[in-house]
Structures are given as C-alpha cells and as structure tokens.
Amino acid sequence: MNKWLLLTAAILLEVTATLSLRAAVDHPGWYALVAAGYISAFAALTYVLRLGVGVGVAYGIWAAVGVALTAILATIIFGDPLTGVMALGIGLVIGGVLCVEIGSQAAHAKQTAHTQEGHA
C-alpha cells in the first residue's frame, strides 16, 4: 500500500477519534468510536513507519495536519472558536513540519551520496 495514502488514513482516523472525543462529552456512546479511531490511527502509523517513512517526518505530518483539520472541523461541527492567532499558530506548525521534511530529504540525499562514494 502507498505509504502516503496510509499516512492520510492514519490522520483521518485520529481526527475522527478526536472529534468523537469532543462529541462524547455530551453523548458517552461516542467513546466506542474514540477507542476504535485511536487504536486504528496508531496501527496505521505503525505501518507507515514499517514502509520506511522516518518517525520525525511521519509524526510531524500526522500531528500538523491533524491539528489543522481538527481545529477547522471543530469550528464547523461544534462551533469552537478559530481566531486569526490560532490560524497563525496552525500555519507555524505546518511550516515547522515542512522544515523537518525538507531537512529529512536533504539528509537522505547526503547519506545516499556518501554511500555511493564509498562503493565507487
């Protein structure tokens, strides 16, 4: 399975579980979806790591996208506030994850080049 599709599934499962947790405050029946969502999200994230995505990259993307989606959907579904400062914070988190991803790619390229030089 495609590692990025699986990471997307892990993110959506985690966001579903988190929004269900909010719903469970008023309706405890939602706790079943909370448990199933978090267990499934961590299982999917485990498979993403097995497929070779670095833990910093996978977790960073998972967390940043999860925070953004949860905040936006909680505003739509539950009427939670989403201020400009909050949006800026979400943007900074996403920017930080992009820095981690770019740094990871550069480190991988450097390591690959070093390994190829050693075999030449």
PDB file of N, CA and C in Angstrom:
ATOM      1  N   MET A   1       0.846  -1.189   0.000  1.00  0.00           N
ATOM      2  CA  MET A   1       0.000   0.000   0.000  1.00  0.00           C
ATOM      3  C   MET A   1       0.888   1.248   0.000  1.00  0.00           C
ATOM      4  N   ASN A   2       0.438   2.278  -0.629  1.00  0.00           N
ATOM      5  CA  ASN A   2       1.164   3.541  -0.700  1.00  0.00           C
ATOM      6  C   ASN A   2       1.313   4.147   0.697  1.00  0.00           C
ATOM      7  N   LYS A   3       2.552   4.473   1.067  1.00  0.00           N
ATOM      8  CA  LYS A   3       2.810   4.980   2.417  1.00  0.00           C
ATOM      9  C   LYS A   3       2.112   6.307   2.692  1.00  0.00           C
ATOM     10  N   TRP A   4       1.962   7.146   1.687  1.00  0.00           N
ATOM     11  CA  TRP A   4       1.323   8.447   1.905  1.00  0.00           C
ATOM     12  C   TRP A   4      -0.193   8.303   2.021  1.00  0.00           C
ATOM     13  N   LEU A   5      -0.760   7.363   1.301  1.00  0.00           N
ATOM     14  CA  LEU A   5      -2.187   7.081   1.438  1.00  0.00           C
ATOM     15  C   LEU A   5      -2.476   6.514   2.822  1.00  0.00           C
ATOM     16  N   LEU A   6      -1.592   5.660   3.291  1.00  0.00           N
ATOM     17  CA  LEU A   6      -1.739   5.079   4.627  1.00  0.00           C
ATOM     18  C   LEU A   6      -1.560   6.150   5.710  1.00  0.00           C
ATOM     19  N   LEU A   7      -0.648   7.087   5.505  1.00  0.00           N
ATOM     20  CA  LEU A   7      -0.483   8.183   6.456  1.00  0.00           C
ATOM     21  C   LEU A   7      -1.735   9.063   6.468  1.00  0.00           C
ATOM     22  N   THR A   8      -2.313   9.292   5.307  1.00  0.00           N
ATOM     23  CA  THR A   8      -3.566  10.051   5.229  1.00  0.00           C
ATOM     24  C   THR A   8      -4.667   9.342   6.012  1.00  0.00           C
ATOM     25  N   ALA A   9      -4.748   8.025   5.872  1.00  0.00           N
ATOM     26  CA  ALA A   9      -5.744   7.259   6.632  1.00  0.00           C
ATOM     27  C   ALA A   9      -5.502   7.397   8.134  1.00  0.00           C
ATOM     28  N   ALA A  10      -4.242   7.328   8.559  1.00  0.00           N
ATOM     29  CA  ALA A  10      -3.918   7.475   9.981  1.00  0.00           C
ATOM     30  C   ALA A  10      -4.357   8.844  10.497  1.00  0.00           C
ATOM     31  N   ILE A  11      -4.135   9.869   9.701  1.00  0.00           N
ATOM     32  CA  ILE A  11      -4.530  11.224  10.086  1.00  0.00           C
ATOM     33  C   ILE A  11      -6.046  11.319  10.213  1.00  0.00           C
ATOM     34  N   LEU A  12      -6.759  10.811   9.220  1.00  0.00           N
ATOM     35  CA  LEU A  12      -8.222  10.890   9.247  1.00  0.00           C
ATOM     36  C   LEU A  12      -8.806  10.088  10.402  1.00  0.00           C
ATOM     37  N   LEU A  13      -8.211   8.949  10.714  1.00  0.00           N
ATOM     38  CA  LEU A  13      -8.667   8.153  11.858  1.00  0.00           C
ATOM     39  C   LEU A  13      -8.450   8.904  13.169  1.00  0.00           C
ATOM     40  N   GLU A  14      -7.304   9.547  13.300  1.00  0.00           N
ATOM     41  CA  GLU A  14      -7.006  10.295  14.523  1.00  0.00           C
ATOM     42  C   GLU A  14      -7.928  11.497  14.670  1.00  0.00           C
ATOM     43  N   VAL A  15      -8.178  12.203  13.586  1.00  0.00           N
ATOM     44  CA  VAL A  15      -9.077  13.358  13.633  1.00  0.00           C
ATOM     45  C   VAL A  15     -10.497  12.906  13.983  1.00  0.00           C
ATOM     46  N   THR A  16     -10.929  11.807  13.392  1.00  0.00           N
ATOM     47  CA  THR A  16     -12.252  11.255  13.707  1.00  0.00           C
ATOM     48  C   THR A  16     -12.347  10.910  15.190  1.00  0.00           C
ATOM     49  N   ALA A  17     -11.306  10.271  15.726  1.00  0.00           N
ATOM     50  CA  ALA A  17     -11.307   9.904  17.145  1.00  0.00           C
ATOM     51  C   ALA A  17     -11.344  11.138  18.031  1.00  0.00           C
ATOM     52  N   THR A  18     -10.581  12.163  17.670  1.00  0.00           N
ATOM     53  CA  THR A  18     -10.530  13.374  18.478  1.00  0.00           C
ATOM     54  C   THR A  18     -11.866  14.121  18.452  1.00  0.00           C
ATOM     55  N   LEU A  19     -12.470  14.226  17.288  1.00  0.00           N
ATOM     56  CA  LEU A  19     -13.784  14.866  17.202  1.00  0.00           C
ATOM     57  C   LEU A  19     -14.846  14.039  17.935  1.00  0.00           C
ATOM     58  N   SER A  20     -14.706  12.722  17.895  1.00  0.00           N
ATOM     59  CA  SER A  20     -15.624  11.850  18.633  1.00  0.00           C
ATOM     60  C   SER A  20     -15.455  12.034  20.134  1.00  0.00           C
ATOM     61  N   LEU A  21     -14.231  12.304  20.556  1.00  0.00           N
ATOM     62  CA  LEU A  21     -13.976  12.573  21.970  1.00  0.00           C
ATOM     63  C   LEU A  21     -14.739  13.820  22.407  1.00  0.00           C
ATOM     64  N   ARG A  22     -14.732  14.827  21.564  1.00  0.00           N
ATOM     65  CA  ARG A  22     -15.493  16.056  21.848  1.00  0.00           C
ATOM     66  C   ARG A  22     -16.984  15.748  21.911  1.00  0.00           C
ATOM     67  N   ALA A  23     -17.479  14.923  20.991  1.00  0.00           N
ATOM     68  CA  ALA A  23     -18.896  14.550  20.980  1.00  0.00           C
ATOM     69  C   ALA A  23     -19.263  13.708  22.205  1.00  0.00           C
ATOM     70  N   ALA A  24     -18.312  12.907  22.683  1.00  0.00           N
ATOM     71  CA  ALA A  24     -18.567  12.028  23.832  1.00  0.00           C
ATOM     72  C   ALA A  24     -18.777  12.797  25.128  1.00  0.00           C
ATOM     73  N   VAL A  25     -18.360  14.054  25.162  1.00  0.00           N
ATOM     74  CA  VAL A  25     -18.573  14.870  26.354  1.00  0.00           C
ATOM     75  C   VAL A  25     -20.073  14.917  26.687  1.00  0.00           C
ATOM     76  N   ASP A  26     -20.886  15.043  25.663  1.00  0.00           N
ATOM     77  CA  ASP A  26     -22.336  15.123  25.850  1.00  0.00           C
ATOM     78  C   ASP A  26     -23.056  13.792  25.613  1.00  0.00           C
ATOM     79  N   HIS A  27     -22.438  12.902  24.847  1.00  0.00           N
ATOM     80  CA  HIS A  27     -23.064  11.628  24.476  1.00  0.00           C
ATOM     81  C   HIS A  27     -22.027  10.509  24.602  1.00  0.00           C
ATOM     82  N   PRO A  28     -21.958   9.848  25.770  1.00  0.00           N
ATOM     83  CA  PRO A  28     -20.906   8.864  26.047  1.00  0.00           C
ATOM     84  C   PRO A  28     -20.813   7.708  25.052  1.00  0.00           C
ATOM     85  N   GLY A  29     -21.835   7.462  24.282  1.00  0.00           N
ATOM     86  CA  GLY A  29     -21.777   6.393  23.287  1.00  0.00           C
ATOM     87  C   GLY A  29     -20.676   6.588  22.259  1.00  0.00           C
ATOM     88  N   TRP A  30     -20.222   7.807  22.106  1.00  0.00           N
ATOM     89  CA  TRP A  30     -19.154   8.114  21.151  1.00  0.00           C
ATOM     90  C   TRP A  30     -17.799   7.557  21.582  1.00  0.00           C
ATOM     91  N   TYR A  31     -17.664   7.169  22.850  1.00  0.00           N
ATOM     92  CA  TYR A  31     -16.375   6.648  23.320  1.00  0.00           C
ATOM     93  C   TYR A  31     -15.935   5.400  22.553  1.00  0.00           C
ATOM     94  N   ALA A  32     -16.872   4.621  22.046  1.00  0.00           N
ATOM     95  CA  ALA A  32     -16.505   3.436  21.250  1.00  0.00           C
ATOM     96  C   ALA A  32     -15.741   3.862  19.995  1.00  0.00           C
ATOM     97  N   LEU A  33     -16.215   4.917  19.337  1.00  0.00           N
ATOM     98  CA  LEU A  33     -15.518   5.416  18.149  1.00  0.00           C
ATOM     99  C   LEU A  33     -14.184   6.063  18.515  1.00  0.00           C
ATOM    100  N   VAL A  34     -14.120   6.687  19.683  1.00  0.00           N
ATOM    101  CA  VAL A  34     -12.858   7.267  20.162  1.00  0.00           C
ATOM    102  C   VAL A  34     -11.799   6.167  20.262  1.00  0.00           C
ATOM    103  N   ALA A  35     -12.133   5.088  20.953  1.00  0.00           N
ATOM    104  CA  ALA A  35     -11.174   3.989  21.144  1.00  0.00           C
ATOM    105  C   ALA A  35     -10.794   3.353  19.812  1.00  0.00           C
ATOM    106  N   ALA A  36     -11.783   3.039  19.002  1.00  0.00           N
ATOM    107  CA  ALA A  36     -11.504   2.395  17.710  1.00  0.00           C
ATOM    108  C   ALA A  36     -10.673   3.308  16.811  1.00  0.00           C
ATOM    109  N   GLY A  37     -10.977   4.597  16.830  1.00  0.00           N
ATOM    110  CA  GLY A  37     -10.248   5.540  15.979  1.00  0.00           C
ATOM    111  C   GLY A  37      -8.792   5.684  16.369  1.00  0.00           C
ATOM    112  N   TYR A  38      -8.539   5.827  17.679  1.00  0.00           N
ATOM    113  CA  TYR A  38      -7.143   5.974  18.119  1.00  0.00           C
ATOM    114  C   TYR A  38      -6.341   4.693  17.914  1.00  0.00           C
ATOM    115  N   ILE A  39      -6.922   3.551  18.218  1.00  0.00           N
ATOM    116  CA  ILE A  39      -6.216   2.280  18.002  1.00  0.00           C
ATOM    117  C   ILE A  39      -5.895   2.103  16.525  1.00  0.00           C
ATOM    118  N   SER A  40      -6.866   2.375  15.664  1.00  0.00           N
ATOM    119  CA  SER A  40      -6.652   2.237  14.221  1.00  0.00           C
ATOM    120  C   SER A  40      -5.630   3.248  13.707  1.00  0.00           C
ATOM    121  N   ALA A  41      -5.675   4.468  14.228  1.00  0.00           N
ATOM    122  CA  ALA A  41      -4.725   5.500  13.794  1.00  0.00           C
ATOM    123  C   ALA A  41      -3.295   5.100  14.131  1.00  0.00           C
ATOM    124  N   PHE A  42      -3.081   4.602  15.352  1.00  0.00           N
ATOM    125  CA  PHE A  42      -1.723   4.185  15.730  1.00  0.00           C
ATOM    126  C   PHE A  42      -1.271   2.949  14.962  1.00  0.00           C
ATOM    127  N   ALA A  43      -2.199   2.051  14.662  1.00  0.00           N
ATOM    128  CA  ALA A  43      -1.851   0.878  13.846  1.00  0.00           C
ATOM    129  C   ALA A  43      -1.426   1.330  12.447  1.00  0.00           C
ATOM    130  N   ALA A  44      -2.181   2.243  11.862  1.00  0.00           N
ATOM    131  CA  ALA A  44      -1.829   2.740  10.529  1.00  0.00           C
ATOM    132  C   ALA A  44      -0.494   3.478  10.553  1.00  0.00           C
ATOM    133  N   LEU A  45      -0.261   4.272  11.598  1.00  0.00           N
ATOM    134  CA  LEU A  45       1.013   4.991  11.718  1.00  0.00           C
ATOM    135  C   LEU A  45       2.173   4.003  11.850  1.00  0.00           C
ATOM    136  N   THR A  46       1.954   2.913  12.559  1.00  0.00           N
ATOM    137  CA  THR A  46       2.982   1.877  12.680  1.00  0.00           C
ATOM    138  C   THR A  46       3.344   1.307  11.314  1.00  0.00           C
ATOM    139  N   TYR A  47       2.345   1.044  10.485  1.00  0.00           N
ATOM    140  CA  TYR A  47       2.603   0.525   9.139  1.00  0.00           C
ATOM    141  C   TYR A  47       3.347   1.547   8.280  1.00  0.00           C
ATOM    142  N   VAL A  48       3.016   2.823   8.452  1.00  0.00           N
ATOM    143  CA  VAL A  48       3.728   3.874   7.715  1.00  0.00           C
ATOM    144  C   VAL A  48       5.214   3.827   8.055  1.00  0.00           C
ATOM    145  N   LEU A  49       5.525   3.665   9.349  1.00  0.00           N
ATOM    146  CA  LEU A  49       6.926   3.580   9.770  1.00  0.00           C
ATOM    147  C   LEU A  49       7.588   2.335   9.192  1.00  0.00           C
ATOM    148  N   ARG A  50       6.857   1.234   9.157  1.00  0.00           N
ATOM    149  CA  ARG A  50       7.402  -0.009   8.573  1.00  0.00           C
ATOM    150  C   ARG A  50       7.697   0.148   7.086  1.00  0.00           C
ATOM    151  N   LEU A  51       6.948   1.029   6.418  1.00  0.00           N
ATOM    152  CA  LEU A  51       7.165   1.255   4.990  1.00  0.00           C
ATOM    153  C   LEU A  51       8.337   2.203   4.722  1.00  0.00           C
ATOM    154  N   GLY A  52       8.988   2.667   5.803  1.00  0.00           N
ATOM    155  CA  GLY A  52      10.222   3.417   5.627  1.00  0.00           C
ATOM    156  C   GLY A  52      10.143   4.919   5.830  1.00  0.00           C
ATOM    157  N   VAL A  53       9.004   5.444   6.193  1.00  0.00           N
ATOM    158  CA  VAL A  53       8.920   6.878   6.457  1.00  0.00           C
ATOM    159  C   VAL A  53       9.552   7.130   7.831  1.00  0.00           C
ATOM    160  N   GLY A  54      10.416   8.111   7.926  1.00  0.00           N
ATOM    161  CA  GLY A  54      11.066   8.430   9.197  1.00  0.00           C
ATOM    162  C   GLY A  54      10.040   8.857  10.235  1.00  0.00           C
ATOM    163  N   VAL A  55      10.306   8.508  11.482  1.00  0.00           N
ATOM    164  CA  VAL A  55       9.344   8.800  12.548  1.00  0.00           C
ATOM    165  C   VAL A  55       9.122  10.305  12.712  1.00  0.00           C
ATOM    166  N   GLY A  56      10.161  11.104  12.583  1.00  0.00           N
ATOM    167  CA  GLY A  56      10.004  12.551  12.707  1.00  0.00           C
ATOM    168  C   GLY A  56       9.131  13.125  11.611  1.00  0.00           C
ATOM    169  N   VAL A  57       9.321  12.641  10.411  1.00  0.00           N
ATOM    170  CA  VAL A  57       8.532  13.114   9.269  1.00  0.00           C
ATOM    171  C   VAL A  57       7.084  12.638   9.399  1.00  0.00           C
ATOM    172  N   ALA A  58       6.901  11.338   9.641  1.00  0.00           N
ATOM    173  CA  ALA A  58       5.542  10.777   9.722  1.00  0.00           C
ATOM    174  C   ALA A  58       4.751  11.413  10.852  1.00  0.00           C
ATOM    175  N   TYR A  59       5.354  11.486  12.027  1.00  0.00           N
ATOM    176  CA  TYR A  59       4.648  12.046  13.172  1.00  0.00           C
ATOM    177  C   TYR A  59       4.407  13.542  12.994  1.00  0.00           C
ATOM    178  N   GLY A  60       5.379  14.229  12.435  1.00  0.00           N
ATOM    179  CA  GLY A  60       5.218  15.662  12.209  1.00  0.00           C
ATOM    180  C   GLY A  60       4.067  15.970  11.274  1.00  0.00           C
ATOM    181  N   ILE A  61       4.001  15.260  10.164  1.00  0.00           N
ATOM    182  CA  ILE A  61       2.908  15.456   9.211  1.00  0.00           C
ATOM    183  C   ILE A  61       1.587  15.072   9.859  1.00  0.00           C
ATOM    184  N   TRP A  62       1.591  13.931  10.546  1.00  0.00           N
ATOM    185  CA  TRP A  62       0.381  13.439  11.216  1.00  0.00           C
ATOM    186  C   TRP A  62      -0.131  14.469  12.222  1.00  0.00           C
ATOM    187  N   ALA A  63       0.752  14.994  13.021  1.00  0.00           N
ATOM    188  CA  ALA A  63       0.355  15.945  14.062  1.00  0.00           C
ATOM    189  C   ALA A  63      -0.097  17.277  13.458  1.00  0.00           C
ATOM    190  N   ALA A  64       0.667  17.818  12.516  1.00  0.00           N
ATOM    191  CA  ALA A  64       0.342  19.130  11.951  1.00  0.00           C
ATOM    192  C   ALA A  64      -0.979  19.103  11.187  1.00  0.00           C
ATOM    193  N   VAL A  65      -1.135  18.119  10.335  1.00  0.00           N
ATOM    194  CA  VAL A  65      -2.376  18.035   9.570  1.00  0.00           C
ATOM    195  C   VAL A  65      -3.543  17.721  10.504  1.00  0.00           C
ATOM    196  N   GLY A  66      -3.284  16.867  11.500  1.00  0.00           N
ATOM    197  CA  GLY A  66      -4.323  16.538  12.468  1.00  0.00           C
ATOM    198  C   GLY A  66      -4.790  17.755  13.249  1.00  0.00           C
ATOM    199  N   VAL A  67      -3.852  18.585  13.696  1.00  0.00           N
ATOM    200  CA  VAL A  67      -4.205  19.810  14.427  1.00  0.00           C
ATOM    201  C   VAL A  67      -5.038  20.728  13.542  1.00  0.00           C
ATOM    202  N   ALA A  68      -4.587  20.933  12.314  1.00  0.00           N
ATOM    203  CA  ALA A  68      -5.301  21.835  11.406  1.00  0.00           C
ATOM    204  C   ALA A  68      -6.709  21.322  11.112  1.00  0.00           C
ATOM    205  N   LEU A  69      -6.831  20.066  10.737  1.00  0.00           N
ATOM    206  CA  LEU A  69      -8.149  19.508  10.421  1.00  0.00           C
ATOM    207  C   LEU A  69      -9.076  19.509  11.630  1.00  0.00           C
ATOM    208  N   THR A  70      -8.532  19.137  12.788  1.00  0.00           N
ATOM    209  CA  THR A  70      -9.352  19.104  13.997  1.00  0.00           C
ATOM    210  C   THR A  70      -9.871  20.498  14.336  1.00  0.00           C
ATOM    211  N   ALA A  71      -9.023  21.494  14.261  1.00  0.00           N
ATOM    212  CA  ALA A  71      -9.443  22.859  14.576  1.00  0.00           C
ATOM    213  C   ALA A  71     -10.515  23.349  13.606  1.00  0.00           C
ATOM    214  N   ILE A  72     -10.302  23.100  12.330  1.00  0.00           N
ATOM    215  CA  ILE A  72     -11.265  23.555  11.317  1.00  0.00           C
ATOM    216  C   ILE A  72     -12.593  22.817  11.465  1.00  0.00           C
ATOM    217  N   LEU A  73     -12.528  21.494  11.589  1.00  0.00           N
ATOM    218  CA  LEU A  73     -13.767  20.710  11.699  1.00  0.00           C
ATOM    219  C   LEU A  73     -14.491  20.962  13.023  1.00  0.00           C
ATOM    220  N   ALA A  74     -13.759  21.198  14.098  1.00  0.00           N
ATOM    221  CA  ALA A  74     -14.404  21.513  15.379  1.00  0.00           C
ATOM    222  C   ALA A  74     -15.138  22.849  15.293  1.00  0.00           C
ATOM    223  N   THR A  75     -14.615  23.764  14.509  1.00  0.00           N
ATOM    224  CA  THR A  75     -15.298  25.038  14.291  1.00  0.00           C
ATOM    225  C   THR A  75     -16.597  24.815  13.525  1.00  0.00           C
ATOM    226  N   ILE A  76     -16.536  23.999  12.489  1.00  0.00           N
ATOM    227  CA  ILE A  76     -17.712  23.730  11.654  1.00  0.00           C
ATOM    228  C   ILE A  76     -18.756  22.899  12.405  1.00  0.00           C
ATOM    229  N   ILE A  77     -18.313  21.835  13.062  1.00  0.00           N
ATOM    230  CA  ILE A  77     -19.245  20.897  13.690  1.00  0.00           C
ATOM    231  C   ILE A  77     -19.743  21.380  15.044  1.00  0.00           C
ATOM    232  N   PHE A  78     -18.837  21.871  15.882  1.00  0.00           N
ATOM    233  CA  PHE A  78     -19.176  22.198  17.265  1.00  0.00           C
ATOM    234  C   PHE A  78     -19.247  23.693  17.553  1.00  0.00           C
ATOM    235  N   GLY A  79     -18.887  24.518  16.574  1.00  0.00           N
ATOM    236  CA  GLY A  79     -18.903  25.958  16.800  1.00  0.00           C
ATOM    237  C   GLY A  79     -17.748  26.448  17.656  1.00  0.00           C
ATOM    238  N   ASP A  80     -16.677  25.647  17.767  1.00  0.00           N
ATOM    239  CA  ASP A  80     -15.497  26.071  18.525  1.00  0.00           C
ATOM    240  C   ASP A  80     -14.861  27.284  17.846  1.00  0.00           C
ATOM    241  N   PRO A  81     -14.220  28.143  18.618  1.00  0.00           N
ATOM    242  CA  PRO A  81     -13.601  29.329  18.018  1.00  0.00           C
ATOM    243  C   PRO A  81     -12.373  28.973  17.166  1.00  0.00           C
ATOM    244  N   LEU A  82     -12.141  29.765  16.152  1.00  0.00           N
ATOM    245  CA  LEU A  82     -10.928  29.664  15.339  1.00  0.00           C
ATOM    246  C   LEU A  82     -10.536  31.099  14.995  1.00  0.00           C
ATOM    247  N   THR A  83      -9.647  31.647  15.789  1.00  0.00           N
ATOM    248  CA  THR A  83      -9.244  33.044  15.628  1.00  0.00           C
ATOM    249  C   THR A  83      -8.063  33.159  14.668  1.00  0.00           C
ATOM    250  N   GLY A  84      -7.752  34.375  14.312  1.00  0.00           N
ATOM    251  CA  GLY A  84      -6.599  34.625  13.458  1.00  0.00           C
ATOM    252  C   GLY A  84      -5.302  34.165  14.098  1.00  0.00           C
ATOM    253  N   VAL A  85      -5.171  34.376  15.396  1.00  0.00           N
ATOM    254  CA  VAL A  85      -3.961  33.937  16.105  1.00  0.00           C
ATOM    255  C   VAL A  85      -3.859  32.412  16.077  1.00  0.00           C
ATOM    256  N   MET A  86      -4.997  31.743  16.249  1.00  0.00           N
ATOM    257  CA  MET A  86      -4.996  30.271  16.181  1.00  0.00           C
ATOM    258  C   MET A  86      -4.597  29.797  14.779  1.00  0.00           C
ATOM    259  N   ALA A  87      -5.142  30.448  13.767  1.00  0.00           N
ATOM    260  CA  ALA A  87      -4.805  30.097  12.381  1.00  0.00           C
ATOM    261  C   ALA A  87      -3.313  30.322  12.119  1.00  0.00           C
ATOM    262  N   LEU A  88      -2.769  31.401  12.652  1.00  0.00           N
ATOM    263  CA  LEU A  88      -1.332  31.663  12.520  1.00  0.00           C
ATOM    264  C   LEU A  88      -0.533  30.546  13.184  1.00  0.00           C
ATOM    265  N   GLY A  89      -0.945  30.127  14.363  1.00  0.00           N
ATOM    266  CA  GLY A  89      -0.267  29.029  15.060  1.00  0.00           C
ATOM    267  C   GLY A  89      -0.295  27.748  14.263  1.00  0.00           C
ATOM    268  N   ILE A  90      -1.440  27.442  13.668  1.00  0.00           N
ATOM    269  CA  ILE A  90      -1.558  26.245  12.829  1.00  0.00           C
ATOM    270  C   ILE A  90      -0.611  26.364  11.637  1.00  0.00           C
ATOM    271  N   GLY A  91      -0.558  27.546  11.038  1.00  0.00           N
ATOM    272  CA  GLY A  91       0.359  27.771   9.920  1.00  0.00           C
ATOM    273  C   GLY A  91       1.813  27.578  10.320  1.00  0.00           C
ATOM    274  N   LEU A  92       2.171  28.035  11.519  1.00  0.00           N
ATOM    275  CA  LEU A  92       3.545  27.864  12.003  1.00  0.00           C
ATOM    276  C   LEU A  92       3.875  26.392  12.233  1.00  0.00           C
ATOM    277  N   VAL A  93       2.913  25.641  12.761  1.00  0.00           N
ATOM    278  CA  VAL A  93       3.128  24.203  12.959  1.00  0.00           C
ATOM    279  C   VAL A  93       3.359  23.523  11.612  1.00  0.00           C
ATOM    280  N   ILE A  94       2.530  23.850  10.637  1.00  0.00           N
ATOM    281  CA  ILE A  94       2.679  23.250   9.306  1.00  0.00           C
ATOM    282  C   ILE A  94       4.017  23.663   8.688  1.00  0.00           C
ATOM    283  N   GLY A  95       4.400  24.925   8.868  1.00  0.00           N
ATOM    284  CA  GLY A  95       5.702  25.381   8.368  1.00  0.00           C
ATOM    285  C   GLY A  95       6.852  24.635   9.019  1.00  0.00           C
ATOM    286  N   GLY A  96       6.741  24.385  10.312  1.00  0.00           N
ATOM    287  CA  GLY A  96       7.769  23.613  11.016  1.00  0.00           C
ATOM    288  C   GLY A  96       7.886  22.193  10.474  1.00  0.00           C
ATOM    289  N   VAL A  97       6.758  21.587  10.194  1.00  0.00           N
ATOM    290  CA  VAL A  97       6.777  20.229   9.634  1.00  0.00           C
ATOM    291  C   VAL A  97       7.402  20.237   8.242  1.00  0.00           C
ATOM    292  N   LEU A  98       7.117  21.252   7.459  1.00  0.00           N
ATOM    293  CA  LEU A  98       7.755  21.345   6.144  1.00  0.00           C
ATOM    294  C   LEU A  98       9.273  21.453   6.280  1.00  0.00           C
ATOM    295  N   CYS A  99       9.742  22.204   7.261  1.00  0.00           N
ATOM    296  CA  CYS A  99      11.186  22.304   7.506  1.00  0.00           C
ATOM    297  C   CYS A  99      11.775  20.939   7.866  1.00  0.00           C
ATOM    298  N   VAL A 100      11.075  20.185   8.688  1.00  0.00           N
ATOM    299  CA  VAL A 100      11.543  18.843   9.064  1.00  0.00           C
ATOM    300  C   VAL A 100      11.597  17.950   7.823  1.00  0.00           C
ATOM    301  N   GLU A 101      10.578  18.013   6.979  1.00  0.00           N
ATOM    302  CA  GLU A 101      10.540  17.188   5.768  1.00  0.00           C
ATOM    303  C   GLU A 101      11.664  17.576   4.811  1.00  0.00           C
ATOM    304  N   ILE A 102      11.872  18.848   4.593  1.00  0.00           N
ATOM    305  CA  ILE A 102      12.948  19.303   3.697  1.00  0.00           C
ATOM    306  C   ILE A 102      14.305  18.889   4.256  1.00  0.00           C
ATOM    307  N   GLY A 103      14.500  19.054   5.555  1.00  0.00           N
ATOM    308  CA  GLY A 103      15.747  18.632   6.184  1.00  0.00           C
ATOM    309  C   GLY A 103      15.960  17.136   6.096  1.00  0.00           C
ATOM    310  N   SER A 104      14.897  16.379   6.226  1.00  0.00           N
ATOM    311  CA  SER A 104      14.979  14.926   6.129  1.00  0.00           C
ATOM    312  C   SER A 104      15.394  14.498   4.718  1.00  0.00           C
ATOM    313  N   GLN A 105      14.797  15.131   3.721  1.00  0.00           N
ATOM    314  CA  GLN A 105      15.144  14.804   2.333  1.00  0.00           C
ATOM    315  C   GLN A 105      16.600  15.148   2.038  1.00  0.00           C
ATOM    316  N   ALA A 106      17.060  16.275   2.537  1.00  0.00           N
ATOM    317  CA  ALA A 106      18.452  16.679   2.317  1.00  0.00           C
ATOM    318  C   ALA A 106      19.408  15.702   3.003  1.00  0.00           C
ATOM    319  N   ALA A 107      19.079  15.291   4.214  1.00  0.00           N
ATOM    320  CA  ALA A 107      19.925  14.342   4.938  1.00  0.00           C
ATOM    321  C   ALA A 107      19.960  12.994   4.229  1.00  0.00           C
ATOM    322  N   HIS A 108      18.816  12.561   3.721  1.00  0.00           N
ATOM    323  CA  HIS A 108      18.756  11.284   2.999  1.00  0.00           C
ATOM    324  C   HIS A 108      19.593  11.355   1.720  1.00  0.00           C
ATOM    325  N   ALA A 109      19.495  12.466   0.993  1.00  0.00           N
ATOM    326  CA  ALA A 109      20.277  12.635  -0.234  1.00  0.00           C
ATOM    327  C   ALA A 109      21.767  12.634   0.076  1.00  0.00           C
ATOM    328  N   LYS A 110      22.157  13.296   1.155  1.00  0.00           N
ATOM    329  CA  LYS A 110      23.572  13.345   1.549  1.00  0.00           C
ATOM    330  C   LYS A 110      24.068  11.957   1.934  1.00  0.00           C
ATOM    331  N   GLN A 111      23.253  11.230   2.677  1.00  0.00           N
ATOM    332  CA  GLN A 111      23.631   9.879   3.094  1.00  0.00           C
ATOM    333  C   GLN A 111      23.757   8.957   1.881  1.00  0.00           C
ATOM    334  N   THR A 112      22.838   9.073   0.936  1.00  0.00           N
ATOM    335  CA  THR A 112      22.884   8.249  -0.273  1.00  0.00           C
ATOM    336  C   THR A 112      24.134   8.560  -1.087  1.00  0.00           C
ATOM    337  N   ALA A 113      24.457   9.835  -1.234  1.00  0.00           N
ATOM    338  CA  ALA A 113      25.645  10.237  -1.984  1.00  0.00           C
ATOM    339  C   ALA A 113      26.903   9.718  -1.298  1.00  0.00           C
ATOM    340  N   HIS A 114      26.957   9.784   0.028  1.00  0.00           N
ATOM    341  CA  HIS A 114      28.110   9.306   0.783  1.00  0.00           C
ATOM    342  C   HIS A 114      28.267   7.792   0.618  1.00  0.00           C
ATOM    343  N   THR A 115      27.143   7.079   0.647  1.00  0.00           N
ATOM    344  CA  THR A 115      27.174   5.615   0.498  1.00  0.00           C
ATOM    345  C   THR A 115      27.658   5.247  -0.912  1.00  0.00           C
ATOM    346  N   GLN A 116      27.201   5.973  -1.928  1.00  0.00           N
ATOM    347  CA  GLN A 116      27.607   5.688  -3.308  1.00  0.00           C
ATOM    348  C   GLN A 116      29.084   5.979  -3.526  1.00  0.00           C
ATOM    349  N   GLU A 117      29.612   7.022  -2.884  1.00  0.00           N
ATOM    350  CA  GLU A 117      31.035   7.343  -2.995  1.00  0.00           C
ATOM    351  C   GLU A 117      31.884   6.236  -2.384  1.00  0.00           C
ATOM    352  N   GLY A 118      31.400   5.644  -1.310  1.00  0.00           N
ATOM    353  CA  GLY A 118      32.133   4.582  -0.642  1.00  0.00           C
ATOM    354  C   GLY A 118      32.198   3.309  -1.460  1.00  0.00           C
ATOM    355  N   HIS A 119      31.231   3.118  -2.355  1.00  0.00           N
ATOM    356  CA  HIS A 119      31.191   1.918  -3.192  1.00  0.00           C
ATOM    357  C   HIS A 119      31.893   2.131  -4.521  1.00  0.00           C
ATOM    358  N   ALA A 120      32.298   3.347  -4.823  1.00  0.00           N
ATOM    359  CA  ALA A 120      32.913   3.630  -6.127  1.00  0.00           C
ATOM    360  C   ALA A 120      34.396   3.331  -6.146  1.00  0.00           C
TER     361      ALA A 120
END
